[in-house]
Amino acid sequence: RVSTIAAGLLLLFSGQGQAGELPDWLTGEWLQKRDDRWTEEV
């Protein structure tokens, strides 16, 4: 049971970003449109 909990915690925390990492999930070309108004970020 302890091993299962430890493995679960390891999986849970292994995908989390560490302090100082650049937010690569922000990468891309992004668009918001509302009627004829638009905002873009790349």
Full PDB file with SEQRES, HELIX, SHEET, SSBOND, CRYST1, ORIGX, SCALE, CONECT and MASTER records, all heavy atoms in Angstrom:
SEQRES   1 A   42  ARG VAL SER THR ILE ALA ALA GLY LEU LEU LEU LEU PHE          
SEQRES   2 A   42  SER GLY GLN GLY GLN ALA GLY GLU LEU PRO ASP TRP LEU          
SEQRES   3 A   42  THR GLY GLU TRP LEU GLN LYS ARG ASP ASP ARG TRP THR          
SEQRES   4 A   42  GLU GLU VAL                                                  
HELIX    1 AA1 VAL A    2  SER A   14  1                                  13    
HELIX    2 AA2 ASP A   24  LEU A   26  5                                   3    
SHEET    1 AA1 2 TRP A  30  ARG A  34  0                                        
SHEET    2 AA1 2 ARG A  37  GLU A  41 -1                                        
CRYST1    1.000    1.000    1.000  90.00  90.00  90.00 P 1           1          
ORIGX1      1.000000  0.000000  0.000000        0.00000                         
ORIGX2      0.000000  1.000000  0.000000        0.00000                         
ORIGX3      0.000000  0.000000  1.000000        0.00000                         
SCALE1      1.000000  0.000000  0.000000        0.00000                         
SCALE2      0.000000  1.000000  0.000000        0.00000                         
SCALE3      0.000000  0.000000  1.000000        0.00000                         
ATOM      1  N   ARG A   1       0.835  -1.201   0.000  1.00  0.00           N  
ATOM      2  CA  ARG A   1       0.000   0.000   0.000  1.00  0.00           C  
ATOM      3  C   ARG A   1       0.876   1.259   0.000  1.00  0.00           C  
ATOM      4  O   ARG A   1       0.624   2.203  -0.713  1.00  0.00           O  
ATOM      5  CB  ARG A   1      -0.935  -0.006   1.199  1.00  0.00           C  
ATOM      6  CG  ARG A   1      -1.855   1.176   1.193  1.00  0.00           C  
ATOM      7  CD  ARG A   1      -2.953   1.010   2.202  1.00  0.00           C  
ATOM      8  NE  ARG A   1      -3.887   2.096   2.021  1.00  0.00           N  
ATOM      9  CZ  ARG A   1      -4.412   2.793   3.003  1.00  0.00           C  
ATOM     10  NH1 ARG A   1      -4.119   2.491   4.252  1.00  0.00           N  
ATOM     11  NH2 ARG A   1      -5.247   3.761   2.762  1.00  0.00           N  
ATOM     12  N   VAL A   2       1.926   1.280   0.812  1.00  0.00           N  
ATOM     13  CA  VAL A   2       2.836   2.420   0.866  1.00  0.00           C  
ATOM     14  C   VAL A   2       3.521   2.591  -0.489  1.00  0.00           C  
ATOM     15  O   VAL A   2       3.647   3.702  -1.004  1.00  0.00           O  
ATOM     16  CB  VAL A   2       3.873   2.250   2.003  1.00  0.00           C  
ATOM     17  CG1 VAL A   2       4.966   3.308   1.914  1.00  0.00           C  
ATOM     18  CG2 VAL A   2       3.188   2.311   3.357  1.00  0.00           C  
ATOM     19  N   SER A   3       3.939   1.500  -1.106  1.00  0.00           N  
ATOM     20  CA  SER A   3       4.588   1.569  -2.424  1.00  0.00           C  
ATOM     21  C   SER A   3       3.632   2.108  -3.474  1.00  0.00           C  
ATOM     22  O   SER A   3       4.027   2.892  -4.335  1.00  0.00           O  
ATOM     23  CB  SER A   3       5.083   0.182  -2.854  1.00  0.00           C  
ATOM     24  OG  SER A   3       6.085  -0.253  -1.974  1.00  0.00           O  
ATOM     25  N   THR A   4       2.372   1.693  -3.416  1.00  0.00           N  
ATOM     26  CA  THR A   4       1.375   2.180  -4.359  1.00  0.00           C  
ATOM     27  C   THR A   4       1.152   3.677  -4.181  1.00  0.00           C  
ATOM     28  O   THR A   4       1.086   4.434  -5.143  1.00  0.00           O  
ATOM     29  CB  THR A   4       0.048   1.413  -4.182  1.00  0.00           C  
ATOM     30  OG1 THR A   4       0.299   0.025  -4.339  1.00  0.00           O  
ATOM     31  CG2 THR A   4      -0.987   1.877  -5.181  1.00  0.00           C  
ATOM     32  N   ILE A   5       1.058   4.115  -2.927  1.00  0.00           N  
ATOM     33  CA  ILE A   5       0.886   5.552  -2.650  1.00  0.00           C  
ATOM     34  C   ILE A   5       2.111   6.322  -3.126  1.00  0.00           C  
ATOM     35  O   ILE A   5       1.989   7.361  -3.772  1.00  0.00           O  
ATOM     36  CB  ILE A   5       0.612   5.781  -1.149  1.00  0.00           C  
ATOM     37  CG1 ILE A   5      -0.757   5.218  -0.777  1.00  0.00           C  
ATOM     38  CG2 ILE A   5       0.710   7.266  -0.805  1.00  0.00           C  
ATOM     39  CD1 ILE A   5      -1.034   5.181   0.707  1.00  0.00           C  
ATOM     40  N   ALA A   6       3.295   5.820  -2.837  1.00  0.00           N  
ATOM     41  CA  ALA A   6       4.528   6.503  -3.247  1.00  0.00           C  
ATOM     42  C   ALA A   6       4.601   6.589  -4.770  1.00  0.00           C  
ATOM     43  O   ALA A   6       4.961   7.635  -5.330  1.00  0.00           O  
ATOM     44  CB  ALA A   6       5.744   5.773  -2.694  1.00  0.00           C  
ATOM     45  N   ALA A   7       4.245   5.512  -5.459  1.00  0.00           N  
ATOM     46  CA  ALA A   7       4.270   5.529  -6.927  1.00  0.00           C  
ATOM     47  C   ALA A   7       3.265   6.531  -7.473  1.00  0.00           C  
ATOM     48  O   ALA A   7       3.552   7.258  -8.423  1.00  0.00           O  
ATOM     49  CB  ALA A   7       3.980   4.126  -7.472  1.00  0.00           C  
ATOM     50  N   GLY A   8       2.092   6.588  -6.849  1.00  0.00           N  
ATOM     51  CA  GLY A   8       1.080   7.545  -7.284  1.00  0.00           C  
ATOM     52  C   GLY A   8       1.535   8.981  -7.084  1.00  0.00           C  
ATOM     53  O   GLY A   8       1.346   9.835  -7.951  1.00  0.00           O  
ATOM     54  N   LEU A   9       2.151   9.255  -5.938  1.00  0.00           N  
ATOM     55  CA  LEU A   9       2.659  10.607  -5.690  1.00  0.00           C  
ATOM     56  C   LEU A   9       3.774  10.961  -6.668  1.00  0.00           C  
ATOM     57  O   LEU A   9       3.849  12.083  -7.154  1.00  0.00           O  
ATOM     58  CB  LEU A   9       3.158  10.734  -4.246  1.00  0.00           C  
ATOM     59  CG  LEU A   9       2.071  10.745  -3.178  1.00  0.00           C  
ATOM     60  CD1 LEU A   9       2.683  10.684  -1.780  1.00  0.00           C  
ATOM     61  CD2 LEU A   9       1.184  11.971  -3.323  1.00  0.00           C  
ATOM     62  N   LEU A  10       4.641  10.003  -6.959  1.00  0.00           N  
ATOM     63  CA  LEU A  10       5.713  10.254  -7.923  1.00  0.00           C  
ATOM     64  C   LEU A  10       5.143  10.596  -9.289  1.00  0.00           C  
ATOM     65  O   LEU A  10       5.576  11.560  -9.937  1.00  0.00           O  
ATOM     66  CB  LEU A  10       6.617   9.023  -8.022  1.00  0.00           C  
ATOM     67  CG  LEU A  10       7.808   9.129  -8.974  1.00  0.00           C  
ATOM     68  CD1 LEU A  10       8.725  10.268  -8.528  1.00  0.00           C  
ATOM     69  CD2 LEU A  10       8.565   7.825  -9.024  1.00  0.00           C  
ATOM     70  N   LEU A  11       4.146   9.870  -9.731  1.00  0.00           N  
ATOM     71  CA  LEU A  11       3.509  10.174 -11.012  1.00  0.00           C  
ATOM     72  C   LEU A  11       2.822  11.531 -10.983  1.00  0.00           C  
ATOM     73  O   LEU A  11       2.894  12.301 -11.931  1.00  0.00           O  
ATOM     74  CB  LEU A  11       2.490   9.089 -11.381  1.00  0.00           C  
ATOM     75  CG  LEU A  11       3.055   7.782 -11.880  1.00  0.00           C  
ATOM     76  CD1 LEU A  11       1.939   6.755 -12.027  1.00  0.00           C  
ATOM     77  CD2 LEU A  11       3.785   7.970 -13.193  1.00  0.00           C  
ATOM     78  N   LEU A  12       2.162  11.826  -9.867  1.00  0.00           N  
ATOM     79  CA  LEU A  12       1.452  13.094  -9.736  1.00  0.00           C  
ATOM     80  C   LEU A  12       2.412  14.274  -9.843  1.00  0.00           C  
ATOM     81  O   LEU A  12       2.164  15.234 -10.558  1.00  0.00           O  
ATOM     82  CB  LEU A  12       0.704  13.138  -8.403  1.00  0.00           C  
ATOM     83  CG  LEU A  12      -0.006  14.447  -8.061  1.00  0.00           C  
ATOM     84  CD1 LEU A  12      -1.166  14.675  -9.037  1.00  0.00           C  
ATOM     85  CD2 LEU A  12      -0.504  14.421  -6.637  1.00  0.00           C  
ATOM     86  N   PHE A  13       3.537  14.209  -9.145  1.00  0.00           N  
ATOM     87  CA  PHE A  13       4.447  15.345  -9.090  1.00  0.00           C  
ATOM     88  C   PHE A  13       5.482  15.363 -10.211  1.00  0.00           C  
ATOM     89  O   PHE A  13       6.070  16.399 -10.478  1.00  0.00           O  
ATOM     90  CB  PHE A  13       5.143  15.408  -7.736  1.00  0.00           C  
ATOM     91  CG  PHE A  13       4.195  15.744  -6.627  1.00  0.00           C  
ATOM     92  CD1 PHE A  13       3.882  14.835  -5.645  1.00  0.00           C  
ATOM     93  CD2 PHE A  13       3.569  16.981  -6.597  1.00  0.00           C  
ATOM     94  CE1 PHE A  13       2.988  15.152  -4.637  1.00  0.00           C  
ATOM     95  CE2 PHE A  13       2.665  17.305  -5.590  1.00  0.00           C  
ATOM     96  CZ  PHE A  13       2.378  16.386  -4.615  1.00  0.00           C  
ATOM     97  N   SER A  14       5.699  14.263 -10.896  1.00  0.00           N  
ATOM     98  CA  SER A  14       6.718  14.243 -11.946  1.00  0.00           C  
ATOM     99  C   SER A  14       6.333  15.107 -13.139  1.00  0.00           C  
ATOM    100  O   SER A  14       7.192  15.604 -13.841  1.00  0.00           O  
ATOM    101  CB  SER A  14       6.988  12.809 -12.414  1.00  0.00           C  
ATOM    102  OG  SER A  14       5.842  12.290 -13.050  1.00  0.00           O  
ATOM    103  N   GLY A  15       5.051  15.360 -13.365  1.00  0.00           N  
ATOM    104  CA  GLY A  15       4.626  16.182 -14.486  1.00  0.00           C  
ATOM    105  C   GLY A  15       4.548  17.658 -14.166  1.00  0.00           C  
ATOM    106  O   GLY A  15       4.242  18.461 -15.025  1.00  0.00           O  
ATOM    107  N   GLN A  16       4.841  18.055 -12.926  1.00  0.00           N  
ATOM    108  CA  GLN A  16       4.712  19.451 -12.558  1.00  0.00           C  
ATOM    109  C   GLN A  16       5.986  20.207 -12.889  1.00  0.00           C  
ATOM    110  O   GLN A  16       7.084  19.686 -12.777  1.00  0.00           O  
ATOM    111  CB  GLN A  16       4.406  19.588 -11.071  1.00  0.00           C  
ATOM    112  CG  GLN A  16       3.037  19.088 -10.741  1.00  0.00           C  
ATOM    113  CD  GLN A  16       2.632  19.443  -9.331  1.00  0.00           C  
ATOM    114  OE1 GLN A  16       3.399  19.976  -8.569  1.00  0.00           O  
ATOM    115  NE2 GLN A  16       1.407  19.131  -8.980  1.00  0.00           N  
ATOM    116  N   GLY A  17       5.799  21.452 -13.322  1.00  0.00           N  
ATOM    117  CA  GLY A  17       6.931  22.304 -13.642  1.00  0.00           C  
ATOM    118  C   GLY A  17       7.709  22.644 -12.381  1.00  0.00           C  
ATOM    119  O   GLY A  17       7.183  22.707 -11.296  1.00  0.00           O  
ATOM    120  N   GLN A  18       9.003  22.836 -12.569  1.00  0.00           N  
ATOM    121  CA  GLN A  18       9.855  23.245 -11.475  1.00  0.00           C  
ATOM    122  C   GLN A  18      10.043  24.746 -11.561  1.00  0.00           C  
ATOM    123  O   GLN A  18       9.945  25.339 -12.619  1.00  0.00           O  
ATOM    124  CB  GLN A  18      11.203  22.543 -11.582  1.00  0.00           C  
ATOM    125  CG  GLN A  18      11.097  21.043 -11.496  1.00  0.00           C  
ATOM    126  CD  GLN A  18      12.438  20.383 -11.756  1.00  0.00           C  
ATOM    127  OE1 GLN A  18      13.472  21.027 -11.755  1.00  0.00           O  
ATOM    128  NE2 GLN A  18      12.411  19.094 -11.993  1.00  0.00           N  
ATOM    129  N   ALA A  19      10.347  25.365 -10.425  1.00  0.00           N  
ATOM    130  CA  ALA A  19      10.578  26.807 -10.401  1.00  0.00           C  
ATOM    131  C   ALA A  19      11.664  27.150 -11.403  1.00  0.00           C  
ATOM    132  O   ALA A  19      12.682  26.471 -11.491  1.00  0.00           O  
ATOM    133  CB  ALA A  19      10.971  27.246  -8.999  1.00  0.00           C  
ATOM    134  N   GLY A  20      11.442  28.199 -12.158  1.00  0.00           N  
ATOM    135  CA  GLY A  20      12.436  28.651 -13.114  1.00  0.00           C  
ATOM    136  C   GLY A  20      12.288  28.073 -14.504  1.00  0.00           C  
ATOM    137  O   GLY A  20      12.993  28.495 -15.411  1.00  0.00           O  
ATOM    138  N   GLU A  21      11.418  27.093 -14.704  1.00  0.00           N  
ATOM    139  CA  GLU A  21      11.212  26.553 -16.046  1.00  0.00           C  
ATOM    140  C   GLU A  21      10.393  27.540 -16.863  1.00  0.00           C  
ATOM    141  O   GLU A  21       9.463  28.165 -16.361  1.00  0.00           O  
ATOM    142  CB  GLU A  21      10.481  25.214 -15.993  1.00  0.00           C  
ATOM    143  CG  GLU A  21      11.338  24.066 -15.525  1.00  0.00           C  
ATOM    144  CD  GLU A  21      10.622  22.742 -15.617  1.00  0.00           C  
ATOM    145  OE1 GLU A  21       9.498  22.684 -16.170  1.00  0.00           O  
ATOM    146  OE2 GLU A  21      11.175  21.753 -15.133  1.00  0.00           O  
ATOM    147  N   LEU A  22      10.766  27.672 -18.120  1.00  0.00           N  
ATOM    148  CA  LEU A  22       9.977  28.519 -19.009  1.00  0.00           C  
ATOM    149  C   LEU A  22       8.669  27.813 -19.340  1.00  0.00           C  
ATOM    150  O   LEU A  22       8.638  26.598 -19.499  1.00  0.00           O  
ATOM    151  CB  LEU A  22      10.769  28.822 -20.276  1.00  0.00           C  
ATOM    152  CG  LEU A  22      11.972  29.742 -20.049  1.00  0.00           C  
ATOM    153  CD1 LEU A  22      12.919  29.690 -21.235  1.00  0.00           C  
ATOM    154  CD2 LEU A  22      11.520  31.158 -19.813  1.00  0.00           C  
ATOM    155  N   PRO A  23       7.578  28.560 -19.444  1.00  0.00           N  
ATOM    156  CA  PRO A  23       6.255  27.950 -19.669  1.00  0.00           C  
ATOM    157  C   PRO A  23       6.055  27.546 -21.137  1.00  0.00           C  
ATOM    158  O   PRO A  23       5.371  28.222 -21.896  1.00  0.00           O  
ATOM    159  CB  PRO A  23       5.298  29.070 -19.248  1.00  0.00           C  
ATOM    160  CG  PRO A  23       6.053  30.328 -19.538  1.00  0.00           C  
ATOM    161  CD  PRO A  23       7.488  30.007 -19.246  1.00  0.00           C  
ATOM    162  N   ASP A  24       6.633  26.397 -21.528  1.00  0.00           N  
ATOM    163  CA  ASP A  24       6.550  25.967 -22.925  1.00  0.00           C  
ATOM    164  C   ASP A  24       5.114  25.711 -23.377  1.00  0.00           C  
ATOM    165  O   ASP A  24       4.810  25.754 -24.560  1.00  0.00           O  
ATOM    166  CB  ASP A  24       7.440  24.753 -23.189  1.00  0.00           C  
ATOM    167  CG  ASP A  24       7.081  23.545 -22.363  1.00  0.00           C  
ATOM    168  OD1 ASP A  24       6.229  23.638 -21.448  1.00  0.00           O  
ATOM    169  OD2 ASP A  24       7.675  22.481 -22.616  1.00  0.00           O  
ATOM    170  N   TRP A  25       4.199  25.504 -22.456  1.00  0.00           N  
ATOM    171  CA  TRP A  25       2.780  25.307 -22.779  1.00  0.00           C  
ATOM    172  C   TRP A  25       2.150  26.588 -23.341  1.00  0.00           C  
ATOM    173  O   TRP A  25       1.053  26.563 -23.879  1.00  0.00           O  
ATOM    174  CB  TRP A  25       2.010  24.824 -21.550  1.00  0.00           C  
ATOM    175  CG  TRP A  25       2.261  25.642 -20.323  1.00  0.00           C  
ATOM    176  CD1 TRP A  25       3.168  25.368 -19.339  1.00  0.00           C  
ATOM    177  CD2 TRP A  25       1.647  26.877 -19.960  1.00  0.00           C  
ATOM    178  NE1 TRP A  25       3.136  26.362 -18.386  1.00  0.00           N  
ATOM    179  CE2 TRP A  25       2.217  27.310 -18.743  1.00  0.00           C  
ATOM    180  CE3 TRP A  25       0.653  27.669 -20.551  1.00  0.00           C  
ATOM    181  CZ2 TRP A  25       1.844  28.482 -18.106  1.00  0.00           C  
ATOM    182  CZ3 TRP A  25       0.279  28.843 -19.917  1.00  0.00           C  
ATOM    183  CH2 TRP A  25       0.868  29.235 -18.720  1.00  0.00           C  
ATOM    184  N   LEU A  26       2.854  27.707 -23.239  1.00  0.00           N  
ATOM    185  CA  LEU A  26       2.390  28.982 -23.776  1.00  0.00           C  
ATOM    186  C   LEU A  26       2.702  29.104 -25.276  1.00  0.00           C  
ATOM    187  O   LEU A  26       2.090  29.902 -25.988  1.00  0.00           O  
ATOM    188  CB  LEU A  26       3.078  30.110 -22.990  1.00  0.00           C  
ATOM    189  CG  LEU A  26       2.651  31.538 -23.160  1.00  0.00           C  
ATOM    190  CD1 LEU A  26       1.183  31.730 -22.840  1.00  0.00           C  
ATOM    191  CD2 LEU A  26       3.500  32.427 -22.258  1.00  0.00           C  
ATOM    192  N   THR A  27       3.633  28.285 -25.749  1.00  0.00           N  
ATOM    193  CA  THR A  27       4.083  28.339 -27.138  1.00  0.00           C  
ATOM    194  C   THR A  27       2.926  28.171 -28.114  1.00  0.00           C  
ATOM    195  O   THR A  27       2.066  27.310 -27.931  1.00  0.00           O  
ATOM    196  CB  THR A  27       5.116  27.225 -27.408  1.00  0.00           C  
ATOM    197  OG1 THR A  27       6.218  27.422 -26.540  1.00  0.00           O  
ATOM    198  CG2 THR A  27       5.581  27.233 -28.848  1.00  0.00           C  
ATOM    199  N   GLY A  28       2.914  29.004 -29.143  1.00  0.00           N  
ATOM    200  CA  GLY A  28       1.920  28.849 -30.202  1.00  0.00           C  
ATOM    201  C   GLY A  28       1.385  30.170 -30.685  1.00  0.00           C  
ATOM    202  O   GLY A  28       1.810  31.250 -30.262  1.00  0.00           O  
ATOM    203  N   GLU A  29       0.433  30.050 -31.579  1.00  0.00           N  
ATOM    204  CA  GLU A  29      -0.241  31.205 -32.162  1.00  0.00           C  
ATOM    205  C   GLU A  29      -1.684  31.173 -31.668  1.00  0.00           C  
ATOM    206  O   GLU A  29      -2.409  30.216 -31.917  1.00  0.00           O  
ATOM    207  CB  GLU A  29      -0.185  31.085 -33.690  1.00  0.00           C  
ATOM    208  CG  GLU A  29      -0.607  32.308 -34.423  1.00  0.00           C  
ATOM    209  CD  GLU A  29      -0.354  32.191 -35.922  1.00  0.00           C  
ATOM    210  OE1 GLU A  29       0.383  31.281 -36.354  1.00  0.00           O  
ATOM    211  OE2 GLU A  29      -0.923  33.014 -36.647  1.00  0.00           O  
ATOM    212  N   TRP A  30      -2.093  32.232 -30.951  1.00  0.00           N  
ATOM    213  CA  TRP A  30      -3.358  32.255 -30.235  1.00  0.00           C  
ATOM    214  C   TRP A  30      -4.238  33.391 -30.725  1.00  0.00           C  
ATOM    215  O   TRP A  30      -3.756  34.477 -31.010  1.00  0.00           O  
ATOM    216  CB  TRP A  30      -3.100  32.411 -28.733  1.00  0.00           C  
ATOM    217  CG  TRP A  30      -2.213  31.343 -28.193  1.00  0.00           C  
ATOM    218  CD1 TRP A  30      -0.862  31.418 -27.988  1.00  0.00           C  
ATOM    219  CD2 TRP A  30      -2.594  30.026 -27.833  1.00  0.00           C  
ATOM    220  NE1 TRP A  30      -0.395  30.222 -27.499  1.00  0.00           N  
ATOM    221  CE2 TRP A  30      -1.440  29.350 -27.394  1.00  0.00           C  
ATOM    222  CE3 TRP A  30      -3.818  29.347 -27.825  1.00  0.00           C  
ATOM    223  CZ2 TRP A  30      -1.465  28.028 -26.960  1.00  0.00           C  
ATOM    224  CZ3 TRP A  30      -3.844  28.038 -27.391  1.00  0.00           C  
ATOM    225  CH2 TRP A  30      -2.679  27.390 -26.960  1.00  0.00           C  
ATOM    226  N   LEU A  31      -5.551  33.134 -30.800  1.00  0.00           N  
ATOM    227  CA  LEU A  31      -6.492  34.118 -31.340  1.00  0.00           C  
ATOM    228  C   LEU A  31      -7.776  34.144 -30.520  1.00  0.00           C  
ATOM    229  O   LEU A  31      -8.342  33.099 -30.201  1.00  0.00           O  
ATOM    230  CB  LEU A  31      -6.829  33.770 -32.796  1.00  0.00           C  
ATOM    231  CG  LEU A  31      -7.917  34.579 -33.487  1.00  0.00           C  
ATOM    232  CD1 LEU A  31      -7.503  36.034 -33.643  1.00  0.00           C  
ATOM    233  CD2 LEU A  31      -8.219  33.959 -34.849  1.00  0.00           C  
ATOM    234  N   GLN A  32      -8.238  35.360 -30.215  1.00  0.00           N  
ATOM    235  CA  GLN A  32      -9.566  35.565 -29.638  1.00  0.00           C  
ATOM    236  C   GLN A  32     -10.321  36.475 -30.587  1.00  0.00           C  
ATOM    237  O   GLN A  32      -9.819  37.525 -30.979  1.00  0.00           O  
ATOM    238  CB  GLN A  32      -9.495  36.235 -28.263  1.00  0.00           C  
ATOM    239  CG  GLN A  32     -10.889  36.583 -27.726  1.00  0.00           C  
ATOM    240  CD  GLN A  32     -10.838  37.285 -26.397  1.00  0.00           C  
ATOM    241  OE1 GLN A  32     -10.766  36.640 -25.372  1.00  0.00           O  
ATOM    242  NE2 GLN A  32     -10.862  38.617 -26.411  1.00  0.00           N  
ATOM    243  N   LYS A  33     -11.545  36.069 -30.967  1.00  0.00           N  
ATOM    244  CA  LYS A  33     -12.398  36.904 -31.820  1.00  0.00           C  
ATOM    245  C   LYS A  33     -13.722  37.132 -31.119  1.00  0.00           C  
ATOM    246  O   LYS A  33     -14.310  36.205 -30.579  1.00  0.00           O  
ATOM    247  CB  LYS A  33     -12.641  36.219 -33.165  1.00  0.00           C  
ATOM    248  CG  LYS A  33     -11.410  36.174 -34.041  1.00  0.00           C  
ATOM    249  CD  LYS A  33     -11.686  35.504 -35.370  1.00  0.00           C  
ATOM    250  CE  LYS A  33     -12.388  36.502 -36.254  1.00  0.00           C  
ATOM    251  NZ  LYS A  33     -12.563  36.046 -37.628  1.00  0.00           N  
ATOM    252  N   ARG A  34     -14.160  38.388 -31.119  1.00  0.00           N  
ATOM    253  CA  ARG A  34     -15.480  38.765 -30.585  1.00  0.00           C  
ATOM    254  C   ARG A  34     -16.065  39.757 -31.575  1.00  0.00           C  
ATOM    255  O   ARG A  34     -15.594  40.891 -31.667  1.00  0.00           O  
ATOM    256  CB  ARG A  34     -15.352  39.413 -29.213  1.00  0.00           C  
ATOM    257  CG  ARG A  34     -14.916  38.449 -28.132  1.00  0.00           C  
ATOM    258  CD  ARG A  34     -14.912  39.109 -26.778  1.00  0.00           C  
ATOM    259  NE  ARG A  34     -14.471  38.165 -25.760  1.00  0.00           N  
ATOM    260  CZ  ARG A  34     -13.991  38.521 -24.590  1.00  0.00           C  
ATOM    261  NH1 ARG A  34     -13.882  39.799 -24.271  1.00  0.00           N  
ATOM    262  NH2 ARG A  34     -13.619  37.623 -23.729  1.00  0.00           N  
ATOM    263  N   ASP A  35     -17.077  39.320 -32.302  1.00  0.00           N  
ATOM    264  CA  ASP A  35     -17.655  40.129 -33.376  1.00  0.00           C  
ATOM    265  C   ASP A  35     -16.535  40.505 -34.346  1.00  0.00           C  
ATOM    266  O   ASP A  35     -15.831  39.633 -34.801  1.00  0.00           O  
ATOM    267  CB  ASP A  35     -18.398  41.353 -32.820  1.00  0.00           C  
ATOM    268  CG  ASP A  35     -19.515  40.962 -31.858  1.00  0.00           C  
ATOM    269  OD1 ASP A  35     -20.255  40.010 -32.197  1.00  0.00           O  
ATOM    270  OD2 ASP A  35     -19.628  41.582 -30.791  1.00  0.00           O  
ATOM    271  N   ASP A  36     -16.331  41.798 -34.609  1.00  0.00           N  
ATOM    272  CA  ASP A  36     -15.265  42.184 -35.531  1.00  0.00           C  
ATOM    273  C   ASP A  36     -13.974  42.572 -34.789  1.00  0.00           C  
ATOM    274  O   ASP A  36     -13.002  42.993 -35.393  1.00  0.00           O  
ATOM    275  CB  ASP A  36     -15.714  43.333 -36.446  1.00  0.00           C  
ATOM    276  CG  ASP A  36     -15.984  44.622 -35.693  1.00  0.00           C  
ATOM    277  OD1 ASP A  36     -16.222  44.577 -34.471  1.00  0.00           O  
ATOM    278  OD2 ASP A  36     -15.953  45.689 -36.336  1.00  0.00           O  
ATOM    279  N   ARG A  37     -13.947  42.366 -33.453  1.00  0.00           N  
ATOM    280  CA  ARG A  37     -12.750  42.651 -32.662  1.00  0.00           C  
ATOM    281  C   ARG A  37     -11.920  41.381 -32.525  1.00  0.00           C  
ATOM    282  O   ARG A  37     -12.464  40.284 -32.390  1.00  0.00           O  
ATOM    283  CB  ARG A  37     -13.127  43.188 -31.285  1.00  0.00           C  
ATOM    284  CG  ARG A  37     -13.802  44.548 -31.357  1.00  0.00           C  
ATOM    285  CD  ARG A  37     -14.077  45.083 -29.966  1.00  0.00           C  
ATOM    286  NE  ARG A  37     -14.881  44.151 -29.182  1.00  0.00           N  
ATOM    287  CZ  ARG A  37     -16.161  44.339 -28.900  1.00  0.00           C  
ATOM    288  NH1 ARG A  37     -16.791  45.402 -29.307  1.00  0.00           N  
ATOM    289  NH2 ARG A  37     -16.812  43.447 -28.187  1.00  0.00           N  
ATOM    290  N   TRP A  38     -10.606  41.550 -32.527  1.00  0.00           N  
ATOM    291  CA  TRP A  38      -9.715  40.402 -32.418  1.00  0.00           C  
ATOM    292  C   TRP A  38      -8.477  40.768 -31.592  1.00  0.00           C  
ATOM    293  O   TRP A  38      -8.076  41.925 -31.520  1.00  0.00           O  
ATOM    294  CB  TRP A  38      -9.284  39.888 -33.790  1.00  0.00           C  
ATOM    295  CG  TRP A  38      -8.845  40.980 -34.723  1.00  0.00           C  
ATOM    296  CD1 TRP A  38      -9.622  41.654 -35.628  1.00  0.00           C  
ATOM    297  CD2 TRP A  38      -7.543  41.563 -34.828  1.00  0.00           C  
ATOM    298  NE1 TRP A  38      -8.882  42.613 -36.277  1.00  0.00           N  
ATOM    299  CE2 TRP A  38      -7.595  42.569 -35.811  1.00  0.00           C  
ATOM    300  CE3 TRP A  38      -6.323  41.333 -34.187  1.00  0.00           C  
ATOM    301  CZ2 TRP A  38      -6.490  43.331 -36.173  1.00  0.00           C  
ATOM    302  CZ3 TRP A  38      -5.224  42.098 -34.542  1.00  0.00           C  
ATOM    303  CH2 TRP A  38      -5.309  43.075 -35.532  1.00  0.00           C  
ATOM    304  N   THR A  39      -7.925  39.756 -30.949  1.00  0.00           N  
ATOM    305  CA  THR A  39      -6.663  39.864 -30.222  1.00  0.00           C  
ATOM    306  C   THR A  39      -5.859  38.619 -30.537  1.00  0.00           C  
ATOM    307  O   THR A  39      -6.396  37.511 -30.532  1.00  0.00           O  
ATOM    308  CB  THR A  39      -6.887  39.965 -28.699  1.00  0.00           C  
ATOM    309  OG1 THR A  39      -7.728  41.083 -28.432  1.00  0.00           O  
ATOM    310  CG2 THR A  39      -5.584  40.124 -27.953  1.00  0.00           C  
ATOM    311  N   GLU A  40      -4.583  38.819 -30.839  1.00  0.00           N  
ATOM    312  CA  GLU A  40      -3.690  37.710 -31.160  1.00  0.00           C  
ATOM    313  C   GLU A  40      -2.453  37.780 -30.281  1.00  0.00           C  
ATOM    314  O   GLU A  40      -1.984  38.862 -29.945  1.00  0.00           O  
ATOM    315  CB  GLU A  40      -3.222  37.793 -32.613  1.00  0.00           C  
ATOM    316  CG  GLU A  40      -4.333  37.749 -33.622  1.00  0.00           C  
ATOM    317  CD  GLU A  40      -3.848  38.080 -35.025  1.00  0.00           C  
ATOM    318  OE1 GLU A  40      -2.842  38.800 -35.187  1.00  0.00           O  
ATOM    319  OE2 GLU A  40      -4.502  37.610 -35.967  1.00  0.00           O  
ATOM    320  N   GLU A  41      -1.930  36.619 -29.911  1.00  0.00           N  
ATOM    321  CA  GLU A  41      -0.623  36.503 -29.268  1.00  0.00           C  
ATOM    322  C   GLU A  41       0.098  35.342 -29.907  1.00  0.00           C  
ATOM    323  O   GLU A  41      -0.514  34.321 -30.226  1.00  0.00           O  
ATOM    324  CB  GLU A  41      -0.732  36.272 -27.759  1.00  0.00           C  
ATOM    325  CG  GLU A  41      -1.032  37.515 -26.991  1.00  0.00           C  
ATOM    326  CD  GLU A  41      -0.736  37.419 -25.504  1.00  0.00           C  
ATOM    327  OE1 GLU A  41       0.098  36.581 -25.083  1.00  0.00           O  
ATOM    328  OE2 GLU A  41      -1.343  38.206 -24.762  1.00  0.00           O  
ATOM    329  N   VAL A  42       1.389  35.508 -30.094  1.00  0.00           N  
ATOM    330  CA  VAL A  42       2.253  34.455 -30.621  1.00  0.00           C  
ATOM    331  C   VAL A  42       3.443  34.336 -29.684  1.00  0.00           C  
ATOM    332  O   VAL A  42       4.084  35.341 -29.356  1.00  0.00           O  
ATOM    333  CB  VAL A  42       2.746  34.782 -32.053  1.00  0.00           C  
ATOM    334  CG1 VAL A  42       3.670  33.684 -32.562  1.00  0.00           C  
ATOM    335  CG2 VAL A  42       1.567  34.978 -32.993  1.00  0.00           C  
TER     336      VAL A  42                                                      
MASTER        0    0    0    2    2    0    0    6  335    1    0    4          
END                                                                             
